[in-house]
Amino acid sequence: YAGTETGVFVSFDDGTHWQSLQMNLPTASVRDLIIHGGDLIAGTHGRSIWILDDLMPLRQMDSKVANSDAWLFRPATAYRARFGSTDEGTPLPPEEPAGQNPPDGAILDYYLRAKPEQPVILEILDNTGKVVSRLSSAEKPPKPDTATQTVEDRWVKTQQPPSDEPGMHRLVWDLLYPSPKSPSGFDSWAKSGAWALPGTYTVKLIVDGRTYTQPLTIKMDPNVKVSQTDLEVQFDTDMKIVAARTEVSAALVEAQNLQKQLHLLLLKVKSRREFAGKIEGLPCTPIQVVGAEHSSSPDLAVVLVPSHVLPSLLYVQLFM
């Protein structure tokens, strides 16, 4: 590596040829470079300190990689750690001066020479060969539902899918098993899957039917002292909670759909008798549904419970 008056450069042949490593570093005089662990730290004149996280791809770069149609780089060790206060609770205000923490999870780097014909697939498998997480470039990250979302977009974090565009790509796996489907208004469920246990995993990249694999090691945060047995108990409990939330989510979605249908009916009818007649054909009696407001007809005698008041299931009693 070399620092110059205008930026940073890297050589893969002992200095015979040099390439820019500028990336998002502003044009600045780089006065010092140091490698700390697997990161490159640049000391600049006037632009503070810049850190390039994870040099593993650069260290593995060679002619074999350059001549391949696709390549999965061996990832660095990932740590189960929570970096800073932006990942738990209320994020810092955008105007608050703060540095950017390293990616929270396993950093996965791969290369594509050209755009593949089929979706790019990234899978994480545990030591028994069971798929922990499966990500596809065909899947698009969910868009925020501004009508029901109760927090700012930056509070809701979702796992990003892999890219299928040509070039180098970096994807961060959040070390979470799949989260239960998040019903409308339940923002906190967006990333609530079980945390992967420390251990050895396999990363699998599938490009147009060809498979590339690399081992991945996950270690516990060295600042947290807890036994493997306790972690396994926590994991089992988390998986049971996710299973229960999946059932609750399906029931809640059904209740919300029923609520929408009832809303349409409530806007059309003028009396309790007319309303009762229209819902006679429903497969179940709408005794309990998600709370909603309706005040146009006192004759309907609906007990109102606004759906944003409580964080769990809410019900209203329809007096027929």
Protein backbone atom coordinates (compact mmCIF):
# COMPACT_ATOMS: atom_id res chain seq x y z
CA TYR A 1 0.00 0.00 0.00
CA ALA A 2 1.16 3.54 -0.69
CA GLY A 3 -0.09 6.92 0.47
CA THR A 4 0.45 9.92 -1.78
CA GLU A 5 -0.49 13.59 -1.90
CA THR A 6 -3.73 12.68 -3.67
CA GLY A 7 -4.83 9.36 -2.17
CA VAL A 8 -4.10 5.65 -1.58
CA PHE A 9 -2.80 3.05 -4.02
CA VAL A 10 -2.29 -0.72 -3.91
CA SER A 11 0.08 -3.06 -5.75
CA PHE A 12 -0.34 -6.81 -6.27
CA ASP A 13 3.11 -7.42 -7.83
CA ASP A 14 5.56 -5.94 -5.30
CA GLY A 15 5.32 -2.40 -6.63
CA THR A 16 5.71 -3.01 -10.37
CA HIS A 17 2.16 -1.81 -11.05
CA TRP A 18 -0.12 0.31 -8.90
CA GLN A 19 -3.89 0.73 -8.78
CA SER A 20 -6.03 3.31 -7.03
CA LEU A 21 -7.63 2.26 -3.73
CA GLN A 22 -9.43 5.58 -3.35
CA MET A 23 -13.01 4.28 -3.21
CA ASN A 24 -14.99 6.88 -1.21
CA LEU A 25 -11.92 8.55 0.33
CA PRO A 26 -11.90 12.26 -0.61
CA THR A 27 -8.89 13.57 -2.46
CA ALA A 28 -6.43 14.25 0.35
CA SER A 29 -2.80 13.90 1.32
CA VAL A 30 -2.32 10.50 2.97
CA ARG A 31 0.57 10.91 5.42
CA ASP A 32 0.50 7.50 7.11
CA LEU A 33 -0.84 3.96 6.60
CA ILE A 34 -1.05 1.14 9.10
CA ILE A 35 -2.64 -2.31 9.07
CA HIS A 36 -4.54 -3.12 12.25
CA GLY A 37 -5.85 -6.68 12.33
CA GLY A 38 -7.60 -7.06 9.00
CA ASP A 39 -8.21 -3.33 8.40
CA LEU A 40 -6.24 -0.63 6.62
CA ILE A 41 -6.07 2.71 8.47
CA ALA A 42 -5.14 5.87 6.58
CA GLY A 43 -4.04 9.04 8.34
CA THR A 44 -4.77 12.06 6.12
CA HIS A 45 -3.89 15.73 6.24
CA GLY A 46 -7.15 17.58 6.71
CA ARG A 47 -9.56 14.66 6.27
CA SER A 48 -9.05 12.88 9.60
CA ILE A 49 -8.62 9.08 9.87
CA TRP A 50 -10.18 6.69 7.38
CA ILE A 51 -10.53 2.92 7.83
CA LEU A 52 -11.01 0.31 5.11
CA ASP A 53 -12.76 -2.61 6.82
CA ASP A 54 -11.65 -6.16 6.01
CA LEU A 55 -8.69 -6.57 3.64
CA MET A 56 -9.42 -10.28 3.06
CA PRO A 57 -10.53 -9.84 -0.60
CA LEU A 58 -7.43 -7.80 -1.47
CA ARG A 59 -5.16 -10.40 0.15
CA GLN A 60 -6.81 -13.18 -1.89
CA MET A 61 -6.78 -11.33 -5.19
CA ASP A 62 -4.68 -13.07 -7.89
CA SER A 63 -4.79 -14.01 -11.58
CA LYS A 64 -7.08 -16.98 -10.88
CA VAL A 65 -9.67 -14.68 -9.37
CA ALA A 66 -9.31 -12.14 -12.18
CA ASN A 67 -9.85 -14.80 -14.85
CA SER A 68 -12.89 -16.40 -13.20
CA ASP A 69 -16.49 -15.79 -14.21
CA ALA A 70 -17.41 -15.59 -10.51
CA TRP A 71 -15.59 -15.88 -7.20
CA LEU A 72 -16.47 -16.10 -3.53
CA PHE A 73 -13.76 -14.77 -1.23
CA ARG A 74 -13.04 -16.42 2.08
CA PRO A 75 -14.68 -14.21 4.74
CA ALA A 76 -12.96 -12.98 7.87
CA THR A 77 -14.06 -14.19 11.29
CA ALA A 78 -17.38 -12.65 12.30
CA TYR A 79 -18.24 -11.67 15.89
CA ARG A 80 -21.60 -11.75 17.61
CA ALA A 81 -21.42 -8.20 18.88
CA ARG A 82 -23.63 -5.14 19.08
CA PHE A 83 -21.74 -2.09 17.89
CA GLY A 84 -22.83 1.18 19.47
CA SER A 85 -26.31 2.43 20.28
CA THR A 86 -27.59 2.64 16.70
CA ASP A 87 -28.48 -1.05 16.59
CA GLU A 88 -30.46 -1.19 19.82
CA GLY A 89 -33.10 1.25 20.95
CA THR A 90 -33.31 4.77 19.58
CA PRO A 91 -30.69 5.66 16.92
CA LEU A 92 -28.61 8.78 17.35
CA PRO A 93 -30.08 11.89 15.69
CA PRO A 94 -28.64 12.43 12.18
CA GLU A 95 -27.10 15.74 13.25
CA GLU A 96 -25.21 14.11 16.14
CA PRO A 97 -21.44 13.92 15.33
CA ALA A 98 -20.48 10.24 15.36
CA GLY A 99 -18.16 7.88 13.53
CA GLN A 100 -19.38 4.95 11.50
CA ASN A 101 -19.01 1.55 13.14
CA PRO A 102 -17.87 -1.57 11.27
CA PRO A 103 -20.58 -3.63 9.58
CA ASP A 104 -22.60 -5.56 12.14
CA GLY A 105 -22.34 -9.19 10.99
CA ALA A 106 -20.40 -11.38 8.58
CA ILE A 107 -18.81 -9.55 5.64
CA LEU A 108 -19.25 -11.60 2.46
CA ASP A 109 -17.39 -10.51 -0.68
CA TYR A 110 -17.89 -11.96 -4.15
CA TYR A 111 -17.04 -11.10 -7.75
CA LEU A 112 -19.06 -11.37 -10.98
CA ARG A 113 -17.43 -10.95 -14.37
CA ALA A 114 -20.76 -10.46 -16.14
CA LYS A 115 -24.44 -10.28 -15.24
CA PRO A 116 -25.66 -13.88 -14.81
CA GLU A 117 -28.76 -15.21 -16.56
CA GLN A 118 -30.22 -16.61 -13.33
CA PRO A 119 -30.60 -14.94 -9.90
CA VAL A 120 -27.51 -14.92 -7.68
CA ILE A 121 -28.03 -17.07 -4.56
CA LEU A 122 -26.12 -16.79 -1.28
CA GLU A 123 -26.71 -19.47 1.34
CA ILE A 124 -25.39 -19.88 4.87
CA LEU A 125 -25.27 -23.47 6.17
CA ASP A 126 -24.52 -24.67 9.69
CA ASN A 127 -22.11 -27.49 10.55
CA THR A 128 -24.83 -30.09 9.86
CA GLY A 129 -25.51 -28.77 6.36
CA LYS A 130 -28.84 -27.17 7.29
CA VAL A 131 -29.59 -23.87 5.55
CA VAL A 132 -29.57 -21.04 8.09
CA SER A 133 -30.20 -18.19 5.66
CA ARG A 134 -30.89 -17.99 1.92
CA LEU A 135 -30.62 -14.71 0.03
CA SER A 136 -31.48 -14.17 -3.64
CA SER A 137 -30.90 -11.25 -5.99
CA ALA A 138 -34.45 -11.86 -7.26
CA GLU A 139 -35.81 -10.73 -3.90
CA LYS A 140 -36.18 -7.02 -3.35
CA PRO A 141 -35.95 -5.46 0.12
CA PRO A 142 -39.40 -4.54 1.45
CA LYS A 143 -40.39 -0.91 1.09
CA PRO A 144 -41.45 0.94 4.26
CA ASP A 145 -45.20 1.13 4.76
CA THR A 146 -45.56 4.82 5.52
CA ALA A 147 -49.25 4.39 6.35
CA THR A 148 -48.63 2.08 9.32
CA GLN A 149 -44.95 2.46 10.17
CA THR A 150 -44.52 4.01 13.61
CA VAL A 151 -40.83 4.98 13.34
CA GLU A 152 -38.50 6.62 10.83
CA ASP A 153 -37.17 4.54 7.94
CA ARG A 154 -33.63 4.58 9.35
CA TRP A 155 -34.82 2.78 12.48
CA VAL A 156 -36.04 -0.23 10.50
CA LYS A 157 -33.17 -2.41 9.30
CA THR A 158 -33.68 -5.20 6.79
CA GLN A 159 -31.34 -7.78 5.33
CA GLN A 160 -30.25 -6.61 1.89
CA PRO A 161 -30.27 -9.12 -1.02
CA PRO A 162 -27.14 -9.91 -3.07
CA SER A 163 -26.52 -7.97 -6.27
CA ASP A 164 -26.34 -9.60 -9.71
CA GLU A 165 -24.54 -6.72 -11.40
CA PRO A 166 -20.99 -7.22 -12.79
CA GLY A 167 -18.10 -6.30 -10.50
CA MET A 168 -17.09 -6.66 -6.86
CA HIS A 169 -19.84 -6.89 -4.26
CA ARG A 170 -19.93 -6.83 -0.47
CA LEU A 171 -22.93 -8.14 1.44
CA VAL A 172 -23.24 -8.18 5.23
CA TRP A 173 -25.15 -11.12 6.71
CA ASP A 174 -26.66 -10.00 10.00
CA LEU A 175 -26.05 -13.42 11.66
CA LEU A 176 -29.79 -13.85 12.10
CA TYR A 177 -32.02 -16.75 11.19
CA PRO A 178 -35.07 -15.71 9.09
CA SER A 179 -37.39 -13.37 10.96
CA PRO A 180 -41.12 -14.03 11.21
CA LYS A 181 -43.27 -12.20 8.70
CA SER A 182 -43.78 -8.68 9.98
CA PRO A 183 -47.48 -7.69 10.02
CA SER A 184 -48.48 -4.14 9.23
CA GLY A 185 -47.61 -1.88 12.16
CA PHE A 186 -45.20 -4.34 13.83
CA ASP A 187 -41.92 -2.63 12.91
CA SER A 188 -39.94 -4.32 15.69
CA TRP A 189 -40.44 -7.71 14.03
CA ALA A 190 -38.42 -6.70 10.96
CA LYS A 191 -35.19 -8.22 12.35
CA SER A 192 -36.16 -10.56 15.16
CA GLY A 193 -34.87 -13.94 14.01
CA ALA A 194 -32.69 -16.09 16.28
CA TRP A 195 -29.03 -15.09 16.54
CA ALA A 196 -26.69 -17.69 15.02
CA LEU A 197 -24.59 -19.56 17.57
CA PRO A 198 -20.80 -19.23 17.60
CA GLY A 199 -19.28 -21.98 15.49
CA THR A 200 -18.31 -23.00 11.96
CA TYR A 201 -20.58 -22.33 8.99
CA THR A 202 -20.37 -22.63 5.21
CA VAL A 203 -21.06 -19.80 2.76
CA LYS A 204 -22.35 -20.95 -0.62
CA LEU A 205 -22.53 -18.73 -3.72
CA ILE A 206 -24.58 -20.05 -6.66
CA VAL A 207 -24.17 -18.33 -10.03
CA ASP A 208 -25.88 -19.81 -13.11
CA GLY A 209 -25.83 -23.28 -11.60
CA ARG A 210 -22.20 -23.20 -10.51
CA THR A 211 -21.44 -23.33 -6.78
CA TYR A 212 -18.62 -21.65 -4.85
CA THR A 213 -18.11 -22.32 -1.13
CA GLN A 214 -16.02 -20.87 1.69
CA PRO A 215 -15.91 -21.55 5.45
CA LEU A 216 -17.14 -18.93 7.89
CA THR A 217 -16.27 -18.78 11.58
CA ILE A 218 -18.51 -16.95 14.05
CA LYS A 219 -17.08 -16.11 17.47
CA MET A 220 -18.63 -14.63 20.58
CA ASP A 221 -17.97 -11.03 21.53
CA PRO A 222 -14.83 -11.34 23.70
CA ASN A 223 -16.29 -8.74 26.07
CA VAL A 224 -19.27 -10.99 26.84
CA LYS A 225 -18.62 -13.89 29.20
CA VAL A 226 -21.26 -16.57 28.72
CA SER A 227 -21.11 -20.35 28.37
CA GLN A 228 -21.91 -22.23 25.19
CA THR A 229 -24.64 -24.09 27.10
CA ASP A 230 -26.37 -20.83 28.02
CA LEU A 231 -26.12 -19.64 24.41
CA GLU A 232 -27.75 -22.86 23.20
CA VAL A 233 -30.59 -22.45 25.71
CA GLN A 234 -31.08 -18.88 24.51
CA PHE A 235 -31.07 -20.06 20.89
CA ASP A 236 -33.68 -22.76 21.53
CA THR A 237 -35.90 -20.21 23.29
CA ASP A 238 -35.49 -17.72 20.43
CA MET A 239 -36.51 -20.36 17.88
CA LYS A 240 -39.66 -21.15 19.90
CA ILE A 241 -40.51 -17.43 20.05
CA VAL A 242 -40.03 -17.08 16.29
CA ALA A 243 -42.32 -20.08 15.70
CA ALA A 244 -44.97 -18.56 17.97
CA ARG A 245 -44.66 -15.17 16.27
CA THR A 246 -45.10 -16.85 12.88
CA GLU A 247 -48.43 -18.28 14.03
CA VAL A 248 -49.48 -14.97 15.57
CA SER A 249 -48.48 -13.13 12.40
CA ALA A 250 -50.64 -15.36 10.21
CA ALA A 251 -53.61 -14.88 12.55
CA LEU A 252 -53.07 -11.14 12.72
CA VAL A 253 -52.85 -10.79 8.93
CA GLU A 254 -56.12 -12.67 8.65
CA ALA A 255 -57.68 -10.41 11.28
CA GLN A 256 -56.42 -7.29 9.50
CA ASN A 257 -57.89 -8.50 6.21
CA LEU A 258 -61.20 -9.09 7.96
CA GLN A 259 -60.99 -5.63 9.48
CA LYS A 260 -60.59 -4.07 6.04
CA GLN A 261 -63.64 -5.93 4.77
CA LEU A 262 -65.67 -4.80 7.79
CA HIS A 263 -64.56 -1.21 7.22
CA LEU A 264 -65.91 -1.31 3.69
CA LEU A 265 -69.19 -2.72 4.95
CA LEU A 266 -69.45 -0.16 7.75
CA LEU A 267 -69.12 2.67 5.25
CA LYS A 268 -71.95 1.30 3.14
CA VAL A 269 -74.61 0.35 5.71
CA LYS A 270 -76.93 2.64 7.66
CA SER A 271 -78.20 0.39 10.46
CA ARG A 272 -77.21 -2.52 12.68
CA ARG A 273 -79.79 -4.77 11.01
CA GLU A 274 -78.42 -4.11 7.55
CA PHE A 275 -74.84 -4.71 8.76
CA ALA A 276 -75.81 -8.02 10.42
CA GLY A 277 -77.46 -9.18 7.23
CA LYS A 278 -74.42 -8.49 5.10
CA ILE A 279 -72.03 -10.47 7.33
CA GLU A 280 -74.30 -13.49 7.71
CA GLY A 281 -72.50 -15.25 4.87
CA LEU A 282 -69.03 -14.97 6.38
CA PRO A 283 -67.34 -18.30 7.28
CA CYS A 284 -66.87 -17.19 10.90
CA THR A 285 -68.56 -14.77 13.26
CA PRO A 286 -66.51 -11.53 13.46
CA ILE A 287 -66.63 -11.35 17.25
CA GLN A 288 -62.97 -10.43 17.63
CA VAL A 289 -61.04 -8.36 15.12
CA VAL A 290 -58.20 -5.86 15.21
CA GLY A 291 -59.34 -2.53 16.69
CA ALA A 292 -60.49 0.23 14.36
CA GLU A 293 -62.41 3.44 14.45
CA HIS A 294 -65.90 3.96 13.07
CA SER A 295 -68.17 6.72 14.31
CA SER A 296 -70.55 7.38 11.41
CA SER A 297 -73.36 5.22 12.82
CA PRO A 298 -73.93 5.03 16.64
CA ASP A 299 -76.57 2.39 15.93
CA LEU A 300 -73.78 -0.12 15.12
CA ALA A 301 -72.61 -0.01 18.78
CA VAL A 302 -68.93 -0.81 18.12
CA VAL A 303 -66.47 -0.65 21.02
CA LEU A 304 -63.47 1.21 19.61
CA VAL A 305 -59.83 0.40 20.42
CA PRO A 306 -57.33 2.30 18.26
CA SER A 307 -54.80 -0.18 16.80
CA HIS A 308 -51.81 2.02 17.61
CA VAL A 309 -52.42 2.10 21.38
CA LEU A 310 -50.95 -1.28 22.33
CA PRO A 311 -47.95 -3.14 20.84
CA SER A 312 -49.73 -6.51 20.86
CA LEU A 313 -52.97 -7.88 19.46
CA LEU A 314 -55.98 -5.62 19.98
CA TYR A 315 -59.59 -6.61 19.74
CA VAL A 316 -62.99 -4.96 19.54
CA GLN A 317 -66.29 -6.54 20.46
CA LEU A 318 -69.01 -6.25 17.88
CA PHE A 319 -72.37 -6.36 19.62
CA MET A 320 -74.65 -8.01 17.11
